Amino acid sequence: MTEHILKLHKIAKRKKIPETMLQRYHEDISVINKPFHFKGDRDICVMLIHGWTSTPYEMRVLGEELQAEGIAVDAPLLSGHGTRPQDLENVTWEQWVEDVDKAYKRLRKQYARVYVGGMSMGGNLALHVAKKNADVSGLILMSTPYKMRYEKLGILMAHMTQWIFSYKKKYYPRGIQAQPSITQLISYQKYPMSSAFEAYAAIKNSLKDIEEITQPIFLIQPAHDHLVARESIYKIYKKIGSQVKEKRLIKKASHNFMGNGKHKDVFQDVVRFVKRSEQ
C-alpha cells in the first residue's frame, strides 16, 4: 500500500492534482472502485453511470449534492472496470448496456421515478437505457459524445496501430482543458485497443434512432473538451425527440469535470433539472 500511495503522489504532482483532492482520495480508498447507493427522502432516484475506464467514484461528489437535496443516488460499476485494464479485454459494449439496464430495472422496483445520468460514454449508455425503457423520468448527459474530436483520423490511426500495440496509454492535455480531476487517478492509465473499439460502438449505437427518445434531457459539455467534438452538444440537442431539453457549455473545464468537485453551480443545475421535472 505504501508503494501504491507513493506512486499516486508522483502521478498527482505531475498532473497538478491538489493535495485536498488527494487527501479525500486516501480517505475513500476503500470505495473508489465500488458501486454506491445513497438513500434519499423522496421517491426519486438518479442513476449515475461512470465513463469508460473509470469508476463510479468520479460521480460521487455530484451524488452527494443530490443526496443533500433528499434525492437518492445509485452508481453501478460497469463490467471490466475498477480492477485492472486487462479485465476490459473481451468485454463487449452490449455487456455495458446490459449492466445499466439491469441497474435501472432494479431501481424502478424501488422508486417511482428514476433519472439516468452519465459521464462521457456513460451518457451514451444512458441513451441506451432511455431507448429500452420509456418510463425513464429524465436524462442528464455530461461530456457525452455525438462525435469525437478528430474522429476519422483517430479511428484510422487506431486501426493501423492495433496490430502493433495491443494497449495504449492515456493522454491528458495541457492548457485550458487540463483542470485536474480525481478521474485521472482512479481510471485505468492504459487500456486495451480492443476495448476502445467497443466504447466507440457503444457511442455510435446509442445515437441510432435518437429522435425516438422523448424524455426530458439536460446536456452539459465543457467548451474546450479535448476528447468530445464541440458540436456534440448541439447535435444531440437538435436530433433528440425530447420536448423538454436544456443545454449548458462550461468554460474552463476538463472532459472529466464532474470528478474535480469545482463546478458546484453545475451540480445545482442538475438538482434543479431533477426537481423542475417533478413539478
C-alpha atoms as a PDB file:
ATOM      1  CA  MET A   1       0.000   0.000   0.000  1.00  0.00           C
ATOM      2  CA  THR A   2       2.857   2.401   0.814  1.00  0.00           C
ATOM      3  CA  GLU A   3       4.346   1.863  -2.651  1.00  0.00           C
ATOM      4  CA  HIS A   4       0.910   2.439  -4.188  1.00  0.00           C
ATOM      5  CA  ILE A   5       0.450   5.715  -2.277  1.00  0.00           C
ATOM      6  CA  LEU A   6       3.913   6.970  -3.247  1.00  0.00           C
ATOM      7  CA  LYS A   7       3.141   6.222  -6.879  1.00  0.00           C
ATOM      8  CA  LEU A   8      -0.134   8.106  -6.628  1.00  0.00           C
ATOM      9  CA  HIS A   9       1.593  11.126  -5.116  1.00  0.00           C
ATOM     10  CA  LYS A  10       4.005  11.175  -8.048  1.00  0.00           C
ATOM     11  CA  ILE A  11       1.109  11.000 -10.506  1.00  0.00           C
ATOM     12  CA  ALA A  12      -0.778  13.698  -8.590  1.00  0.00           C
ATOM     13  CA  LYS A  13       2.243  16.002  -8.591  1.00  0.00           C
ATOM     14  CA  ARG A  14       2.812  15.516 -12.308  1.00  0.00           C
ATOM     15  CA  LYS A  15      -0.851  16.198 -13.070  1.00  0.00           C
ATOM     16  CA  LYS A  16      -1.030  19.068 -10.544  1.00  0.00           C
ATOM     17  CA  ILE A  17      -3.827  17.413  -8.593  1.00  0.00           C
ATOM     18  CA  PRO A  18      -4.417  19.417  -5.358  1.00  0.00           C
ATOM     19  CA  GLU A  19      -3.472  17.856  -2.028  1.00  0.00           C
ATOM     20  CA  THR A  20      -7.055  18.332  -0.785  1.00  0.00           C
ATOM     21  CA  MET A  21      -8.327  16.155  -3.630  1.00  0.00           C
ATOM     22  CA  LEU A  22      -5.627  13.580  -2.967  1.00  0.00           C
ATOM     23  CA  GLN A  23      -6.418  13.584   0.758  1.00  0.00           C
ATOM     24  CA  ARG A  24     -10.048  12.767   0.062  1.00  0.00           C
ATOM     25  CA  TYR A  25      -8.887  10.002  -2.271  1.00  0.00           C
ATOM     26  CA  HIS A  26      -6.927   8.429   0.602  1.00  0.00           C
ATOM     27  CA  GLU A  27      -9.913   8.743   2.945  1.00  0.00           C
ATOM     28  CA  ASP A  28     -12.147   6.991   0.401  1.00  0.00           C
ATOM     29  CA  ILE A  29      -9.575   4.421  -0.773  1.00  0.00           C
ATOM     30  CA  SER A  30     -11.835   1.505   0.163  1.00  0.00           C
ATOM     31  CA  VAL A  31     -14.722   2.660  -2.058  1.00  0.00           C
ATOM     32  CA  ILE A  32     -13.067   4.158  -5.143  1.00  0.00           C
ATOM     33  CA  ASN A  33     -13.608   1.040  -7.247  1.00  0.00           C
ATOM     34  CA  LYS A  34     -17.049   0.091  -5.950  1.00  0.00           C
ATOM     35  CA  PRO A  35     -20.640   0.965  -6.867  1.00  0.00           C
ATOM     36  CA  PHE A  36     -22.513   3.142  -4.392  1.00  0.00           C
ATOM     37  CA  HIS A  37     -26.073   3.897  -3.337  1.00  0.00           C
ATOM     38  CA  PHE A  38     -27.167   6.966  -1.358  1.00  0.00           C
ATOM     39  CA  LYS A  39     -30.617   6.927   0.204  1.00  0.00           C
ATOM     40  CA  GLY A  40     -32.884   9.960  -0.084  1.00  0.00           C
ATOM     41  CA  ASP A  41     -36.155  11.084   1.464  1.00  0.00           C
ATOM     42  CA  ARG A  42     -38.104  11.313  -1.805  1.00  0.00           C
ATOM     43  CA  ASP A  43     -39.486   8.626  -4.090  1.00  0.00           C
ATOM     44  CA  ILE A  44     -36.906   9.647  -6.715  1.00  0.00           C
ATOM     45  CA  CYS A  45     -33.518   8.214  -7.648  1.00  0.00           C
ATOM     46  CA  VAL A  46     -30.826   9.362 -10.058  1.00  0.00           C
ATOM     47  CA  MET A  47     -28.685   6.619 -11.561  1.00  0.00           C
ATOM     48  CA  LEU A  48     -25.201   7.917 -12.433  1.00  0.00           C
ATOM     49  CA  ILE A  49     -23.110   5.989 -14.955  1.00  0.00           C
ATOM     50  CA  HIS A  50     -19.354   6.474 -14.924  1.00  0.00           C
ATOM     51  CA  GLY A  51     -17.215   6.833 -18.026  1.00  0.00           C
ATOM     52  CA  TRP A  52     -15.164   4.249 -19.886  1.00  0.00           C
ATOM     53  CA  THR A  53     -12.032   3.086 -17.961  1.00  0.00           C
ATOM     54  CA  SER A  54     -13.182   4.984 -14.846  1.00  0.00           C
ATOM     55  CA  THR A  55     -15.227   4.028 -11.747  1.00  0.00           C
ATOM     56  CA  PRO A  56     -18.405   5.257 -10.026  1.00  0.00           C
ATOM     57  CA  TYR A  57     -16.227   7.326  -7.678  1.00  0.00           C
ATOM     58  CA  GLU A  58     -15.927  10.094 -10.293  1.00  0.00           C
ATOM     59  CA  MET A  59     -19.689  10.658  -9.845  1.00  0.00           C
ATOM     60  CA  ARG A  60     -19.577  10.707  -6.052  1.00  0.00           C
ATOM     61  CA  VAL A  61     -19.411  14.473  -5.499  1.00  0.00           C
ATOM     62  CA  LEU A  62     -22.463  15.008  -7.706  1.00  0.00           C
ATOM     63  CA  GLY A  63     -24.164  12.131  -5.892  1.00  0.00           C
ATOM     64  CA  GLU A  64     -23.545  13.801  -2.539  1.00  0.00           C
ATOM     65  CA  GLU A  65     -25.002  17.047  -3.859  1.00  0.00           C
ATOM     66  CA  LEU A  66     -28.164  15.255  -4.983  1.00  0.00           C
ATOM     67  CA  GLN A  67     -28.490  13.358  -1.703  1.00  0.00           C
ATOM     68  CA  ALA A  68     -28.207  16.626   0.229  1.00  0.00           C
ATOM     69  CA  GLU A  69     -31.430  17.626  -1.544  1.00  0.00           C
ATOM     70  CA  GLY A  70     -33.175  14.435  -0.485  1.00  0.00           C
ATOM     71  CA  ILE A  71     -32.681  12.665  -3.817  1.00  0.00           C
ATOM     72  CA  ALA A  72     -31.467   9.058  -3.813  1.00  0.00           C
ATOM     73  CA  VAL A  73     -28.477   8.193  -5.988  1.00  0.00           C
ATOM     74  CA  ASP A  74     -27.249   4.900  -7.413  1.00  0.00           C
ATOM     75  CA  ALA A  75     -23.979   4.422  -9.318  1.00  0.00           C
ATOM     76  CA  PRO A  76     -23.351   0.962 -10.797  1.00  0.00           C
ATOM     77  CA  LEU A  77     -19.936  -0.401 -11.783  1.00  0.00           C
ATOM     78  CA  LEU A  78     -19.543  -1.371 -15.437  1.00  0.00           C
ATOM     79  CA  SER A  79     -18.121  -4.756 -16.406  1.00  0.00           C
ATOM     80  CA  GLY A  80     -14.331  -4.819 -16.668  1.00  0.00           C
ATOM     81  CA  HIS A  81     -13.892  -1.662 -14.595  1.00  0.00           C
ATOM     82  CA  GLY A  82     -12.499  -0.944 -11.150  1.00  0.00           C
ATOM     83  CA  THR A  83      -9.897  -3.704 -11.235  1.00  0.00           C
ATOM     84  CA  ARG A  84      -7.159  -3.782 -13.883  1.00  0.00           C
ATOM     85  CA  PRO A  85      -7.054  -2.804 -17.577  1.00  0.00           C
ATOM     86  CA  GLN A  86      -6.729  -6.434 -18.660  1.00  0.00           C
ATOM     87  CA  ASP A  87     -10.254  -7.072 -17.388  1.00  0.00           C
ATOM     88  CA  LEU A  88     -11.613  -4.899 -20.202  1.00  0.00           C
ATOM     89  CA  GLU A  89     -10.468  -7.470 -22.731  1.00  0.00           C
ATOM     90  CA  ASN A  90     -13.344  -9.465 -24.216  1.00  0.00           C
ATOM     91  CA  VAL A  91     -15.978  -7.200 -22.596  1.00  0.00           C
ATOM     92  CA  THR A  92     -18.423  -6.042 -25.268  1.00  0.00           C
ATOM     93  CA  TRP A  93     -20.400  -2.827 -25.419  1.00  0.00           C
ATOM     94  CA  GLU A  94     -23.596  -4.887 -25.211  1.00  0.00           C
ATOM     95  CA  GLN A  95     -22.486  -6.070 -21.765  1.00  0.00           C
ATOM     96  CA  TRP A  96     -22.250  -2.460 -20.586  1.00  0.00           C
ATOM     97  CA  VAL A  97     -25.748  -1.808 -21.917  1.00  0.00           C
ATOM     98  CA  GLU A  98     -26.959  -4.877 -20.040  1.00  0.00           C
ATOM     99  CA  ASP A  99     -25.205  -3.662 -16.864  1.00  0.00           C
ATOM    100  CA  VAL A 100     -27.036  -0.341 -16.826  1.00  0.00           C
ATOM    101  CA  ASP A 101     -30.353  -1.759 -17.989  1.00  0.00           C
ATOM    102  CA  LYS A 102     -30.330  -4.245 -15.107  1.00  0.00           C
ATOM    103  CA  ALA A 103     -29.421  -1.465 -12.676  1.00  0.00           C
ATOM    104  CA  TYR A 104     -32.275   0.690 -13.986  1.00  0.00           C
ATOM    105  CA  LYS A 105     -34.841  -2.098 -13.689  1.00  0.00           C
ATOM    106  CA  ARG A 106     -33.650  -2.795 -10.134  1.00  0.00           C
ATOM    107  CA  LEU A 107     -34.135   0.857  -9.198  1.00  0.00           C
ATOM    108  CA  ARG A 108     -37.593   1.070 -10.810  1.00  0.00           C
ATOM    109  CA  LYS A 109     -38.729  -1.598  -8.358  1.00  0.00           C
ATOM    110  CA  GLN A 110     -37.670   0.686  -5.508  1.00  0.00           C
ATOM    111  CA  TYR A 111     -38.526   4.183  -6.747  1.00  0.00           C
ATOM    112  CA  ALA A 112     -41.494   5.750  -8.527  1.00  0.00           C
ATOM    113  CA  ARG A 113     -39.230   7.903 -10.703  1.00  0.00           C
ATOM    114  CA  VAL A 114     -35.706   7.180 -11.899  1.00  0.00           C
ATOM    115  CA  TYR A 115     -33.471   9.610 -13.792  1.00  0.00           C
ATOM    116  CA  VAL A 116     -30.403   8.394 -15.650  1.00  0.00           C
ATOM    117  CA  GLY A 117     -27.221  10.426 -15.957  1.00  0.00           C
ATOM    118  CA  GLY A 118     -23.845   9.588 -17.402  1.00  0.00           C
ATOM    119  CA  MET A 119     -20.337  10.932 -17.848  1.00  0.00           C
ATOM    120  CA  SER A 120     -18.717  10.649 -21.293  1.00  0.00           C
ATOM    121  CA  MET A 121     -19.561   7.178 -22.685  1.00  0.00           C
ATOM    122  CA  GLY A 122     -21.710   6.756 -19.574  1.00  0.00           C
ATOM    123  CA  GLY A 123     -24.018   9.336 -21.142  1.00  0.00           C
ATOM    124  CA  ASN A 124     -24.285   7.212 -24.262  1.00  0.00           C
ATOM    125  CA  LEU A 125     -25.202   4.250 -22.082  1.00  0.00           C
ATOM    126  CA  ALA A 126     -27.893   6.470 -20.526  1.00  0.00           C
ATOM    127  CA  LEU A 127     -29.300   6.965 -24.039  1.00  0.00           C
ATOM    128  CA  HIS A 128     -29.404   3.186 -24.461  1.00  0.00           C
ATOM    129  CA  VAL A 129     -31.380   2.905 -21.207  1.00  0.00           C
ATOM    130  CA  ALA A 130     -33.846   5.572 -22.337  1.00  0.00           C
ATOM    131  CA  LYS A 131     -34.450   3.794 -25.651  1.00  0.00           C
ATOM    132  CA  LYS A 132     -35.099   0.486 -23.880  1.00  0.00           C
ATOM    133  CA  ASN A 133     -37.241   1.971 -21.089  1.00  0.00           C
ATOM    134  CA  ALA A 134     -39.847   4.594 -21.947  1.00  0.00           C
ATOM    135  CA  ASP A 135     -40.524   5.226 -18.247  1.00  0.00           C
ATOM    136  CA  VAL A 136     -37.106   6.844 -17.635  1.00  0.00           C
ATOM    137  CA  SER A 137     -38.013  10.147 -15.964  1.00  0.00           C
ATOM    138  CA  GLY A 138     -35.195  12.193 -17.476  1.00  0.00           C
ATOM    139  CA  LEU A 139     -31.633  12.169 -18.803  1.00  0.00           C
ATOM    140  CA  ILE A 140     -28.521  14.051 -17.679  1.00  0.00           C
ATOM    141  CA  LEU A 141     -25.728  13.786 -20.244  1.00  0.00           C
ATOM    142  CA  MET A 142     -22.276  15.076 -19.262  1.00  0.00           C
ATOM    143  CA  SER A 143     -19.389  15.330 -21.766  1.00  0.00           C
ATOM    144  CA  THR A 144     -21.322  12.865 -23.904  1.00  0.00           C
ATOM    145  CA  PRO A 145     -20.021  12.432 -27.442  1.00  0.00           C
ATOM    146  CA  TYR A 146     -22.045  12.601 -30.608  1.00  0.00           C
ATOM    147  CA  LYS A 147     -18.699  12.765 -32.314  1.00  0.00           C
ATOM    148  CA  MET A 148     -15.138  12.594 -31.018  1.00  0.00           C
ATOM    149  CA  ARG A 149     -12.571  15.261 -31.833  1.00  0.00           C
ATOM    150  CA  TYR A 150     -10.572  14.288 -34.937  1.00  0.00           C
ATOM    151  CA  GLU A 151     -12.736  11.190 -35.060  1.00  0.00           C
ATOM    152  CA  LYS A 152     -11.936   9.944 -38.570  1.00  0.00           C
ATOM    153  CA  LEU A 153      -8.203  10.376 -38.078  1.00  0.00           C
ATOM    154  CA  GLY A 154      -8.360   8.770 -34.638  1.00  0.00           C
ATOM    155  CA  ILE A 155     -10.213   5.708 -35.911  1.00  0.00           C
ATOM    156  CA  LEU A 156      -7.813   5.340 -38.820  1.00  0.00           C
ATOM    157  CA  MET A 157      -4.784   5.551 -36.532  1.00  0.00           C
ATOM    158  CA  ALA A 158      -6.344   3.081 -34.080  1.00  0.00           C
ATOM    159  CA  HIS A 159      -6.906   0.522 -36.822  1.00  0.00           C
ATOM    160  CA  MET A 160      -3.355   0.988 -38.070  1.00  0.00           C
ATOM    161  CA  THR A 161      -1.703   0.636 -34.665  1.00  0.00           C
ATOM    162  CA  GLN A 162      -3.813  -2.072 -33.018  1.00  0.00           C
ATOM    163  CA  TRP A 163      -1.762  -4.780 -34.737  1.00  0.00           C
ATOM    164  CA  ILE A 164       1.443  -3.295 -33.291  1.00  0.00           C
ATOM    165  CA  PHE A 165       0.283  -2.117 -29.867  1.00  0.00           C
ATOM    166  CA  SER A 166      -2.463  -4.010 -28.073  1.00  0.00           C
ATOM    167  CA  TYR A 167      -2.563  -1.346 -25.294  1.00  0.00           C
ATOM    168  CA  LYS A 168      -2.365   2.424 -25.309  1.00  0.00           C
ATOM    169  CA  LYS A 169      -1.503   4.882 -22.521  1.00  0.00           C
ATOM    170  CA  LYS A 170      -3.928   7.616 -21.501  1.00  0.00           C
ATOM    171  CA  TYR A 171      -3.328  11.150 -22.722  1.00  0.00           C
ATOM    172  CA  TYR A 172      -4.167  14.209 -20.629  1.00  0.00           C
ATOM    173  CA  PRO A 173      -3.887  17.653 -22.235  1.00  0.00           C
ATOM    174  CA  ARG A 174      -2.232  20.816 -21.048  1.00  0.00           C
ATOM    175  CA  GLY A 175      -3.724  24.273 -21.055  1.00  0.00           C
ATOM    176  CA  ILE A 176      -7.352  25.252 -20.533  1.00  0.00           C
ATOM    177  CA  GLN A 177      -8.651  21.652 -20.758  1.00  0.00           C
ATOM    178  CA  ALA A 178      -6.188  20.390 -18.154  1.00  0.00           C
ATOM    179  CA  GLN A 179      -8.044  21.090 -14.923  1.00  0.00           C
ATOM    180  CA  PRO A 180      -7.078  18.319 -12.500  1.00  0.00           C
ATOM    181  CA  SER A 181      -9.681  15.668 -11.805  1.00  0.00           C
ATOM    182  CA  ILE A 182      -9.814  12.708  -9.465  1.00  0.00           C
ATOM    183  CA  THR A 183     -10.702  10.675 -12.561  1.00  0.00           C
ATOM    184  CA  GLN A 184      -7.049  10.931 -13.593  1.00  0.00           C
ATOM    185  CA  LEU A 185      -6.137   8.883 -10.517  1.00  0.00           C
ATOM    186  CA  ILE A 186      -8.953   6.353 -10.356  1.00  0.00           C
ATOM    187  CA  SER A 187      -9.211   5.444 -14.028  1.00  0.00           C
ATOM    188  CA  TYR A 188      -7.002   2.982 -15.852  1.00  0.00           C
ATOM    189  CA  GLN A 189      -3.799   4.663 -17.047  1.00  0.00           C
ATOM    190  CA  LYS A 190      -3.751   2.405 -20.100  1.00  0.00           C
ATOM    191  CA  TYR A 191      -6.416   0.478 -21.970  1.00  0.00           C
ATOM    192  CA  PRO A 192      -6.770  -2.371 -24.485  1.00  0.00           C
ATOM    193  CA  MET A 193      -7.213  -1.112 -28.036  1.00  0.00           C
ATOM    194  CA  SER A 194      -9.969  -3.711 -28.456  1.00  0.00           C
ATOM    195  CA  SER A 195     -11.955  -2.051 -25.670  1.00  0.00           C
ATOM    196  CA  ALA A 196     -11.582   1.362 -27.303  1.00  0.00           C
ATOM    197  CA  PHE A 197     -13.430  -0.022 -30.326  1.00  0.00           C
ATOM    198  CA  GLU A 198     -16.163  -1.373 -28.027  1.00  0.00           C
ATOM    199  CA  ALA A 199     -16.546   2.077 -26.434  1.00  0.00           C
ATOM    200  CA  TYR A 200     -16.813   3.608 -29.907  1.00  0.00           C
ATOM    201  CA  ALA A 201     -19.510   1.059 -30.817  1.00  0.00           C
ATOM    202  CA  ALA A 202     -21.441   1.915 -27.648  1.00  0.00           C
ATOM    203  CA  ILE A 203     -21.341   5.590 -28.633  1.00  0.00           C
ATOM    204  CA  LYS A 204     -22.403   5.139 -32.239  1.00  0.00           C
ATOM    205  CA  ASN A 205     -25.167   2.646 -31.487  1.00  0.00           C
ATOM    206  CA  SER A 206     -26.620   4.933 -28.813  1.00  0.00           C
ATOM    207  CA  LEU A 207     -27.218   7.606 -31.465  1.00  0.00           C
ATOM    208  CA  LYS A 208     -29.322   5.411 -33.743  1.00  0.00           C
ATOM    209  CA  ASP A 209     -32.996   6.420 -33.719  1.00  0.00           C
ATOM    210  CA  ILE A 210     -32.191   9.138 -31.172  1.00  0.00           C
ATOM    211  CA  GLU A 211     -35.287  11.015 -32.319  1.00  0.00           C
ATOM    212  CA  GLU A 212     -37.381   8.310 -30.626  1.00  0.00           C
ATOM    213  CA  ILE A 213     -36.101   9.404 -27.205  1.00  0.00           C
ATOM    214  CA  THR A 214     -38.651  11.824 -25.736  1.00  0.00           C
ATOM    215  CA  GLN A 215     -37.748  12.056 -22.044  1.00  0.00           C
ATOM    216  CA  PRO A 216     -36.648  15.442 -20.612  1.00  0.00           C
ATOM    217  CA  ILE A 217     -32.915  15.920 -21.084  1.00  0.00           C
ATOM    218  CA  PHE A 218     -30.156  18.144 -19.693  1.00  0.00           C
ATOM    219  CA  LEU A 219     -26.933  18.293 -21.728  1.00  0.00           C
ATOM    220  CA  ILE A 220     -23.681  19.563 -20.193  1.00  0.00           C
ATOM    221  CA  GLN A 221     -20.374  19.843 -22.009  1.00  0.00           C
ATOM    222  CA  PRO A 222     -17.060  21.674 -21.445  1.00  0.00           C
ATOM    223  CA  ALA A 223     -16.489  24.335 -24.081  1.00  0.00           C
ATOM    224  CA  HIS A 224     -12.934  23.075 -24.609  1.00  0.00           C
ATOM    225  CA  ASP A 225     -13.358  19.317 -24.202  1.00  0.00           C
ATOM    226  CA  HIS A 226     -10.188  17.650 -25.509  1.00  0.00           C
ATOM    227  CA  LEU A 227     -11.985  14.405 -26.383  1.00  0.00           C
ATOM    228  CA  VAL A 228     -15.515  15.285 -27.462  1.00  0.00           C
ATOM    229  CA  ALA A 229     -16.208  17.443 -30.524  1.00  0.00           C
ATOM    230  CA  ARG A 230     -17.822  20.728 -29.542  1.00  0.00           C
ATOM    231  CA  GLU A 231     -20.750  20.213 -31.906  1.00  0.00           C
ATOM    232  CA  SER A 232     -21.783  17.106 -29.946  1.00  0.00           C
ATOM    233  CA  ILE A 233     -23.973  19.037 -27.514  1.00  0.00           C
ATOM    234  CA  TYR A 234     -25.723  20.845 -30.372  1.00  0.00           C
ATOM    235  CA  LYS A 235     -26.177  17.707 -32.478  1.00  0.00           C
ATOM    236  CA  ILE A 236     -27.754  15.718 -29.655  1.00  0.00           C
ATOM    237  CA  TYR A 237     -29.894  18.714 -28.626  1.00  0.00           C
ATOM    238  CA  LYS A 238     -31.189  19.122 -32.179  1.00  0.00           C
ATOM    239  CA  LYS A 239     -31.767  15.474 -33.058  1.00  0.00           C
ATOM    240  CA  ILE A 240     -33.211  14.072 -29.834  1.00  0.00           C
ATOM    241  CA  GLY A 241     -37.004  13.830 -29.733  1.00  0.00           C
ATOM    242  CA  SER A 242     -37.382  15.386 -26.274  1.00  0.00           C
ATOM    243  CA  GLN A 243     -39.711  18.351 -25.964  1.00  0.00           C
ATOM    244  CA  VAL A 244     -38.192  19.430 -22.648  1.00  0.00           C
ATOM    245  CA  LYS A 245     -34.461  19.910 -23.179  1.00  0.00           C
ATOM    246  CA  GLU A 246     -31.712  22.117 -21.819  1.00  0.00           C
ATOM    247  CA  LYS A 247     -28.038  22.541 -22.636  1.00  0.00           C
ATOM    248  CA  ARG A 248     -25.095  24.202 -20.955  1.00  0.00           C
ATOM    249  CA  LEU A 249     -21.493  24.768 -22.059  1.00  0.00           C
ATOM    250  CA  ILE A 250     -18.967  25.093 -19.222  1.00  0.00           C
ATOM    251  CA  LYS A 251     -15.956  27.350 -19.548  1.00  0.00           C
ATOM    252  CA  LYS A 252     -12.538  26.358 -18.197  1.00  0.00           C
ATOM    253  CA  ALA A 253     -13.469  22.751 -17.552  1.00  0.00           C
ATOM    254  CA  SER A 254     -11.866  19.425 -18.390  1.00  0.00           C
ATOM    255  CA  HIS A 255     -13.595  16.479 -20.054  1.00  0.00           C
ATOM    256  CA  ASN A 256     -13.986  14.779 -16.650  1.00  0.00           C
ATOM    257  CA  PHE A 257     -15.192  17.960 -14.942  1.00  0.00           C
ATOM    258  CA  MET A 258     -17.508  16.101 -12.561  1.00  0.00           C
ATOM    259  CA  GLY A 259     -14.539  14.477 -10.882  1.00  0.00           C
ATOM    260  CA  ASN A 260     -12.856  17.645  -9.648  1.00  0.00           C
ATOM    261  CA  GLY A 261     -15.689  18.947  -7.462  1.00  0.00           C
ATOM    262  CA  LYS A 262     -15.165  22.552  -8.570  1.00  0.00           C
ATOM    263  CA  HIS A 263     -18.319  23.092 -10.559  1.00  0.00           C
ATOM    264  CA  LYS A 264     -20.853  23.357  -7.750  1.00  0.00           C
ATOM    265  CA  ASP A 265     -23.056  25.584  -9.910  1.00  0.00           C
ATOM    266  CA  VAL A 266     -23.334  22.756 -12.435  1.00  0.00           C
ATOM    267  CA  PHE A 267     -24.239  20.331  -9.657  1.00  0.00           C
ATOM    268  CA  GLN A 268     -27.008  22.677  -8.574  1.00  0.00           C
ATOM    269  CA  ASP A 269     -28.235  22.925 -12.171  1.00  0.00           C
ATOM    270  CA  VAL A 270     -28.560  19.137 -12.173  1.00  0.00           C
ATOM    271  CA  VAL A 271     -30.508  19.293  -8.906  1.00  0.00           C
ATOM    272  CA  ARG A 272     -32.792  21.985 -10.343  1.00  0.00           C
ATOM    273  CA  PHE A 273     -33.362  19.939 -13.504  1.00  0.00           C
ATOM    274  CA  VAL A 274     -34.476  16.921 -11.480  1.00  0.00           C
ATOM    275  CA  LYS A 275     -36.700  18.990  -9.194  1.00  0.00           C
ATOM    276  CA  ARG A 276     -38.182  21.005 -12.060  1.00  0.00           C
ATOM    277  CA  SER A 277     -39.103  17.840 -13.918  1.00  0.00           C
ATOM    278  CA  GLU A 278     -41.044  16.775 -10.824  1.00  0.00           C
ATOM    279  CA  GLN A 279     -43.278  19.838 -10.878  1.00  0.00           C
END
